[in-house]
Amino acid sequence: MIGKILAETREAVASMSATQEGAIRGVTLADQAGQVIVQIRDGASDAVEAVNMFATRMDEAEAFAKPGKR
């Protein structure tokens, strides 16, 4: 009887340890995903800024090229 209780207790402890390790891995992966999302957002912002700058330069060049606008 006591042996069975000890065995089941060990099994429960092992299961809790595995669950804790899984939770730690999950937190680590979530943190990494968050960092990647920030990098993607920053890259997208940089791309939008570059496109806006390009469009502004194109507008300026077009305005300069029109007769009577110089």
N, C-alpha and C. Protein backbone atom coordinates (compact mmCIF):
# COMPACT_ATOMS: atom_id res chain seq x y z
N MET A 1 0.83 -1.20 0.00
CA MET A 1 0.00 0.00 0.00
C MET A 1 0.87 1.26 0.00
N ILE A 2 1.82 1.33 0.94
CA ILE A 2 2.69 2.51 1.02
C ILE A 2 3.53 2.62 -0.24
N GLY A 3 3.97 1.47 -0.75
CA GLY A 3 4.76 1.47 -1.99
C GLY A 3 3.97 2.04 -3.15
N LYS A 4 2.69 1.72 -3.22
CA LYS A 4 1.85 2.23 -4.29
C LYS A 4 1.68 3.75 -4.16
N ILE A 5 1.48 4.22 -2.94
CA ILE A 5 1.34 5.67 -2.70
C ILE A 5 2.62 6.38 -3.09
N LEU A 6 3.77 5.82 -2.71
CA LEU A 6 5.06 6.43 -3.07
C LEU A 6 5.24 6.47 -4.58
N ALA A 7 4.89 5.39 -5.25
CA ALA A 7 5.04 5.33 -6.70
C ALA A 7 4.14 6.37 -7.38
N GLU A 8 2.91 6.47 -6.92
CA GLU A 8 1.99 7.45 -7.50
C GLU A 8 2.43 8.88 -7.20
N THR A 9 2.99 9.09 -6.01
CA THR A 9 3.51 10.42 -5.66
C THR A 9 4.67 10.79 -6.56
N ARG A 10 5.58 9.85 -6.78
CA ARG A 10 6.71 10.10 -7.68
C ARG A 10 6.21 10.41 -9.10
N GLU A 11 5.22 9.66 -9.53
CA GLU A 11 4.64 9.88 -10.85
C GLU A 11 4.01 11.27 -10.95
N ALA A 12 3.32 11.69 -9.90
CA ALA A 12 2.70 13.02 -9.89
C ALA A 12 3.76 14.11 -9.92
N VAL A 13 4.83 13.92 -9.15
CA VAL A 13 5.92 14.90 -9.12
C VAL A 13 6.59 14.98 -10.49
N ALA A 14 6.83 13.85 -11.13
CA ALA A 14 7.43 13.84 -12.46
C ALA A 14 6.52 14.55 -13.46
N SER A 15 5.23 14.30 -13.35
CA SER A 15 4.28 14.94 -14.26
C SER A 15 4.26 16.45 -14.05
N MET A 16 4.30 16.89 -12.79
CA MET A 16 4.33 18.33 -12.50
C MET A 16 5.61 18.97 -13.02
N SER A 17 6.73 18.26 -12.90
CA SER A 17 8.00 18.78 -13.42
C SER A 17 7.94 18.93 -14.93
N ALA A 18 7.39 17.94 -15.60
CA ALA A 18 7.27 18.01 -17.06
C ALA A 18 6.36 19.16 -17.46
N THR A 19 5.28 19.35 -16.71
CA THR A 19 4.36 20.46 -17.00
C THR A 19 5.04 21.80 -16.80
N GLN A 20 5.83 21.91 -15.72
CA GLN A 20 6.55 23.15 -15.45
C GLN A 20 7.57 23.43 -16.56
N GLU A 21 8.29 22.41 -17.00
CA GLU A 21 9.26 22.59 -18.08
C GLU A 21 8.56 23.03 -19.37
N GLY A 22 7.40 22.43 -19.64
CA GLY A 22 6.63 22.82 -20.82
C GLY A 22 6.17 24.27 -20.73
N ALA A 23 5.76 24.68 -19.54
CA ALA A 23 5.33 26.07 -19.35
C ALA A 23 6.49 27.03 -19.56
N ILE A 24 7.65 26.68 -19.05
CA ILE A 24 8.84 27.52 -19.22
C ILE A 24 9.20 27.63 -20.70
N ARG A 25 9.15 26.51 -21.42
CA ARG A 25 9.40 26.55 -22.87
C ARG A 25 8.38 27.43 -23.58
N GLY A 26 7.13 27.32 -23.16
CA GLY A 26 6.07 28.15 -23.76
C GLY A 26 6.31 29.63 -23.54
N VAL A 27 6.73 30.00 -22.33
CA VAL A 27 7.02 31.40 -22.03
C VAL A 27 8.20 31.88 -22.88
N THR A 28 9.22 31.05 -23.00
CA THR A 28 10.39 31.42 -23.81
C THR A 28 9.99 31.62 -25.27
N LEU A 29 9.19 30.71 -25.81
CA LEU A 29 8.74 30.84 -27.20
C LEU A 29 7.87 32.08 -27.39
N ALA A 30 7.01 32.36 -26.43
CA ALA A 30 6.16 33.55 -26.52
C ALA A 30 7.00 34.82 -26.51
N ASP A 31 8.04 34.84 -25.68
CA ASP A 31 8.94 35.99 -25.63
C ASP A 31 9.66 36.17 -26.96
N GLN A 32 10.14 35.07 -27.53
CA GLN A 32 10.82 35.14 -28.83
C GLN A 32 9.86 35.62 -29.91
N ALA A 33 8.64 35.13 -29.88
CA ALA A 33 7.64 35.56 -30.87
C ALA A 33 7.36 37.05 -30.73
N GLY A 34 7.28 37.53 -29.50
CA GLY A 34 7.07 38.96 -29.27
C GLY A 34 8.20 39.79 -29.85
N GLN A 35 9.43 39.32 -29.67
CA GLN A 35 10.59 40.05 -30.23
C GLN A 35 10.53 40.08 -31.75
N VAL A 36 10.15 38.97 -32.36
CA VAL A 36 10.05 38.91 -33.82
C VAL A 36 8.94 39.84 -34.32
N ILE A 37 7.83 39.88 -33.61
CA ILE A 37 6.73 40.78 -34.00
C ILE A 37 7.19 42.23 -33.95
N VAL A 38 7.96 42.60 -32.93
CA VAL A 38 8.48 43.97 -32.83
C VAL A 38 9.41 44.25 -34.01
N GLN A 39 10.26 43.29 -34.36
CA GLN A 39 11.17 43.48 -35.50
C GLN A 39 10.38 43.64 -36.80
N ILE A 40 9.34 42.85 -36.98
CA ILE A 40 8.51 42.95 -38.18
C ILE A 40 7.83 44.32 -38.23
N ARG A 41 7.29 44.75 -37.10
CA ARG A 41 6.62 46.06 -37.05
C ARG A 41 7.61 47.18 -37.38
N ASP A 42 8.81 47.10 -36.81
CA ASP A 42 9.82 48.12 -37.10
C ASP A 42 10.21 48.11 -38.57
N GLY A 43 10.38 46.92 -39.14
CA GLY A 43 10.71 46.82 -40.56
C GLY A 43 9.61 47.37 -41.44
N ALA A 44 8.37 47.08 -41.08
CA ALA A 44 7.24 47.60 -41.86
C ALA A 44 7.18 49.12 -41.77
N SER A 45 7.44 49.66 -40.59
CA SER A 45 7.46 51.13 -40.43
C SER A 45 8.56 51.75 -41.28
N ASP A 46 9.73 51.11 -41.29
CA ASP A 46 10.83 51.61 -42.13
C ASP A 46 10.44 51.58 -43.61
N ALA A 47 9.77 50.52 -44.02
CA ALA A 47 9.36 50.40 -45.42
C ALA A 47 8.35 51.49 -45.78
N VAL A 48 7.39 51.74 -44.90
CA VAL A 48 6.40 52.79 -45.15
C VAL A 48 7.08 54.14 -45.24
N GLU A 49 8.02 54.39 -44.35
CA GLU A 49 8.75 55.66 -44.38
C GLU A 49 9.53 55.82 -45.68
N ALA A 50 10.17 54.75 -46.14
CA ALA A 50 10.93 54.80 -47.39
C ALA A 50 10.01 55.07 -48.58
N VAL A 51 8.86 54.43 -48.61
CA VAL A 51 7.91 54.64 -49.71
C VAL A 51 7.40 56.08 -49.68
N ASN A 52 7.10 56.60 -48.50
CA ASN A 52 6.65 57.99 -48.39
C ASN A 52 7.72 58.96 -48.87
N MET A 53 8.97 58.71 -48.50
CA MET A 53 10.07 59.58 -48.96
C MET A 53 10.19 59.51 -50.48
N PHE A 54 10.09 58.31 -51.04
CA PHE A 54 10.19 58.14 -52.48
C PHE A 54 9.05 58.89 -53.18
N ALA A 55 7.83 58.75 -52.65
CA ALA A 55 6.67 59.42 -53.25
C ALA A 55 6.84 60.94 -53.19
N THR A 56 7.35 61.44 -52.08
CA THR A 56 7.59 62.88 -51.94
C THR A 56 8.59 63.36 -52.97
N ARG A 57 9.68 62.59 -53.14
CA ARG A 57 10.71 62.97 -54.12
C ARG A 57 10.13 62.94 -55.53
N MET A 58 9.29 61.95 -55.80
CA MET A 58 8.67 61.87 -57.13
C MET A 58 7.76 63.07 -57.37
N ASP A 59 6.98 63.44 -56.36
CA ASP A 59 6.11 64.62 -56.48
C ASP A 59 6.94 65.88 -56.72
N GLU A 60 8.05 66.01 -55.99
CA GLU A 60 8.91 67.18 -56.16
C GLU A 60 9.52 67.21 -57.56
N ALA A 61 9.97 66.05 -58.04
CA ALA A 61 10.57 65.98 -59.37
C ALA A 61 9.53 66.29 -60.44
N GLU A 62 8.32 65.80 -60.25
CA GLU A 62 7.25 66.05 -61.21
C GLU A 62 6.89 67.53 -61.23
N ALA A 63 6.82 68.15 -60.08
CA ALA A 63 6.50 69.57 -60.00
C ALA A 63 7.61 70.41 -60.64
N PHE A 64 8.84 70.01 -60.44
CA PHE A 64 9.98 70.74 -61.00
C PHE A 64 10.03 70.61 -62.52
N ALA A 65 9.61 69.45 -63.03
CA ALA A 65 9.69 69.18 -64.46
C ALA A 65 8.59 69.88 -65.26
N LYS A 66 7.52 70.28 -64.61
CA LYS A 66 6.42 70.94 -65.33
C LYS A 66 6.83 72.35 -65.73
N PRO A 67 6.49 72.74 -66.96
CA PRO A 67 6.81 74.10 -67.40
C PRO A 67 6.11 75.14 -66.53
N GLY A 68 6.81 76.22 -66.26
CA GLY A 68 6.25 77.32 -65.48
C GLY A 68 6.31 77.11 -63.99
N LYS A 69 6.84 76.00 -63.52
CA LYS A 69 6.90 75.70 -62.09
C LYS A 69 8.29 75.96 -61.52
N ARG A 70 9.22 76.41 -62.34
CA ARG A 70 10.60 76.59 -61.88
C ARG A 70 10.80 77.90 -61.22
